[in-house]
Amino acid sequence: MGTITIPRKITKGEELVVIPRKDYEELLELKRIPEFQPTAVQKKALIRARKNRKSGDFLTLNELKKKLGFAN
């Protein structure tokens, strides 16, 4: 891959990244996907889940399967 030097006058002193047009268009498509914005209830549930995880109060996937009656 070749290296191209862009004069600072053009970039106004900022860094410049050059990527193929296809990759750029894929990035633009990703911007159209709305970002998840949790509600207040969801935020509280996440805080509670993090506290439980930190204190070790959680089930492993195998424990959950066993409690739900799934066979391994």
C-alpha atoms as a PDB file:
ATOM      1  CA  MET A   1       0.000   0.000   0.000  1.00  0.00           C
ATOM      2  CA  GLY A   2       1.394   3.377  -0.946  1.00  0.00           C
ATOM      3  CA  THR A   3       1.785   6.402   1.258  1.00  0.00           C
ATOM      4  CA  ILE A   4       0.405   9.791   0.295  1.00  0.00           C
ATOM      5  CA  THR A   5       1.365  13.033   1.982  1.00  0.00           C
ATOM      6  CA  ILE A   6      -1.371  15.656   2.086  1.00  0.00           C
ATOM      7  CA  PRO A   7      -0.216  19.268   2.594  1.00  0.00           C
ATOM      8  CA  ARG A   8      -1.295  20.764   5.924  1.00  0.00           C
ATOM      9  CA  LYS A   9      -2.890  23.693   4.062  1.00  0.00           C
ATOM     10  CA  ILE A  10      -5.500  21.332   2.658  1.00  0.00           C
ATOM     11  CA  THR A  11      -6.234  19.503   5.914  1.00  0.00           C
ATOM     12  CA  LYS A  12      -6.025  22.677   8.014  1.00  0.00           C
ATOM     13  CA  GLY A  13      -3.663  20.929  10.440  1.00  0.00           C
ATOM     14  CA  GLU A  14      -6.015  18.018  11.142  1.00  0.00           C
ATOM     15  CA  GLU A  15      -5.357  14.341  10.543  1.00  0.00           C
ATOM     16  CA  LEU A  16      -6.773  12.937   7.347  1.00  0.00           C
ATOM     17  CA  VAL A  17      -7.774   9.329   6.708  1.00  0.00           C
ATOM     18  CA  VAL A  18      -8.127   7.966   3.194  1.00  0.00           C
ATOM     19  CA  ILE A  19     -10.325   4.896   2.736  1.00  0.00           C
ATOM     20  CA  PRO A  20     -11.883   3.236  -0.304  1.00  0.00           C
ATOM     21  CA  ARG A  21     -15.248   4.668  -1.367  1.00  0.00           C
ATOM     22  CA  LYS A  22     -17.007   1.332  -0.720  1.00  0.00           C
ATOM     23  CA  ASP A  23     -15.827   1.339   2.917  1.00  0.00           C
ATOM     24  CA  TYR A  24     -16.902   4.977   3.305  1.00  0.00           C
ATOM     25  CA  GLU A  25     -20.379   4.195   1.981  1.00  0.00           C
ATOM     26  CA  GLU A  26     -20.677   1.262   4.409  1.00  0.00           C
ATOM     27  CA  LEU A  27     -19.794   3.614   7.280  1.00  0.00           C
ATOM     28  CA  LEU A  28     -22.476   6.039   6.130  1.00  0.00           C
ATOM     29  CA  GLU A  29     -25.035   3.218   6.194  1.00  0.00           C
ATOM     30  CA  LEU A  30     -24.116   2.469   9.810  1.00  0.00           C
ATOM     31  CA  LYS A  31     -24.855   6.081  10.769  1.00  0.00           C
ATOM     32  CA  ARG A  32     -28.476   5.529   9.724  1.00  0.00           C
ATOM     33  CA  ILE A  33     -28.976   2.930  12.441  1.00  0.00           C
ATOM     34  CA  PRO A  34     -30.314   4.770  15.494  1.00  0.00           C
ATOM     35  CA  GLU A  35     -28.256   4.492  18.663  1.00  0.00           C
ATOM     36  CA  PHE A  36     -29.865   2.687  21.596  1.00  0.00           C
ATOM     37  CA  GLN A  37     -31.126   5.134  24.223  1.00  0.00           C
ATOM     38  CA  PRO A  38     -32.111   3.258  27.409  1.00  0.00           C
ATOM     39  CA  THR A  39     -35.049   4.415  29.477  1.00  0.00           C
ATOM     40  CA  ALA A  40     -34.690   5.268  33.162  1.00  0.00           C
ATOM     41  CA  VAL A  41     -36.045   1.821  34.100  1.00  0.00           C
ATOM     42  CA  GLN A  42     -33.517   0.109  31.809  1.00  0.00           C
ATOM     43  CA  LYS A  43     -30.677   2.181  33.294  1.00  0.00           C
ATOM     44  CA  LYS A  44     -31.679   1.135  36.832  1.00  0.00           C
ATOM     45  CA  ALA A  45     -31.860  -2.513  35.744  1.00  0.00           C
ATOM     46  CA  LEU A  46     -28.384  -2.263  34.230  1.00  0.00           C
ATOM     47  CA  ILE A  47     -26.982  -0.754  37.448  1.00  0.00           C
ATOM     48  CA  ARG A  48     -28.611  -3.541  39.469  1.00  0.00           C
ATOM     49  CA  ALA A  49     -27.232  -6.203  37.084  1.00  0.00           C
ATOM     50  CA  ARG A  50     -23.723  -4.742  37.349  1.00  0.00           C
ATOM     51  CA  LYS A  51     -23.925  -4.773  41.180  1.00  0.00           C
ATOM     52  CA  ASN A  52     -25.114  -8.382  41.138  1.00  0.00           C
ATOM     53  CA  ARG A  53     -22.338  -9.372  38.743  1.00  0.00           C
ATOM     54  CA  LYS A  54     -19.720  -7.669  40.898  1.00  0.00           C
ATOM     55  CA  SER A  55     -20.966  -9.402  44.040  1.00  0.00           C
ATOM     56  CA  GLY A  56     -21.124 -12.783  42.290  1.00  0.00           C
ATOM     57  CA  ASP A  57     -24.912 -12.992  42.495  1.00  0.00           C
ATOM     58  CA  PHE A  58     -25.676 -14.402  39.044  1.00  0.00           C
ATOM     59  CA  LEU A  59     -26.280 -17.672  37.207  1.00  0.00           C
ATOM     60  CA  THR A  60     -23.929 -19.176  34.667  1.00  0.00           C
ATOM     61  CA  LEU A  61     -25.403 -20.297  31.368  1.00  0.00           C
ATOM     62  CA  ASN A  62     -25.167 -23.949  32.432  1.00  0.00           C
ATOM     63  CA  GLU A  63     -26.938 -23.196  35.738  1.00  0.00           C
ATOM     64  CA  LEU A  64     -29.695 -21.372  33.882  1.00  0.00           C
ATOM     65  CA  LYS A  65     -30.169 -24.280  31.473  1.00  0.00           C
ATOM     66  CA  LYS A  66     -30.366 -26.700  34.411  1.00  0.00           C
ATOM     67  CA  LYS A  67     -32.973 -24.563  36.236  1.00  0.00           C
ATOM     68  CA  LEU A  68     -35.046 -24.278  33.048  1.00  0.00           C
ATOM     69  CA  GLY A  69     -34.872 -28.053  32.569  1.00  0.00           C
ATOM     70  CA  PHE A  70     -32.874 -28.146  29.337  1.00  0.00           C
ATOM     71  CA  ALA A  71     -30.725 -31.235  28.739  1.00  0.00           C
ATOM     72  CA  ASN A  72     -27.063 -30.700  27.893  1.00  0.00           C
END
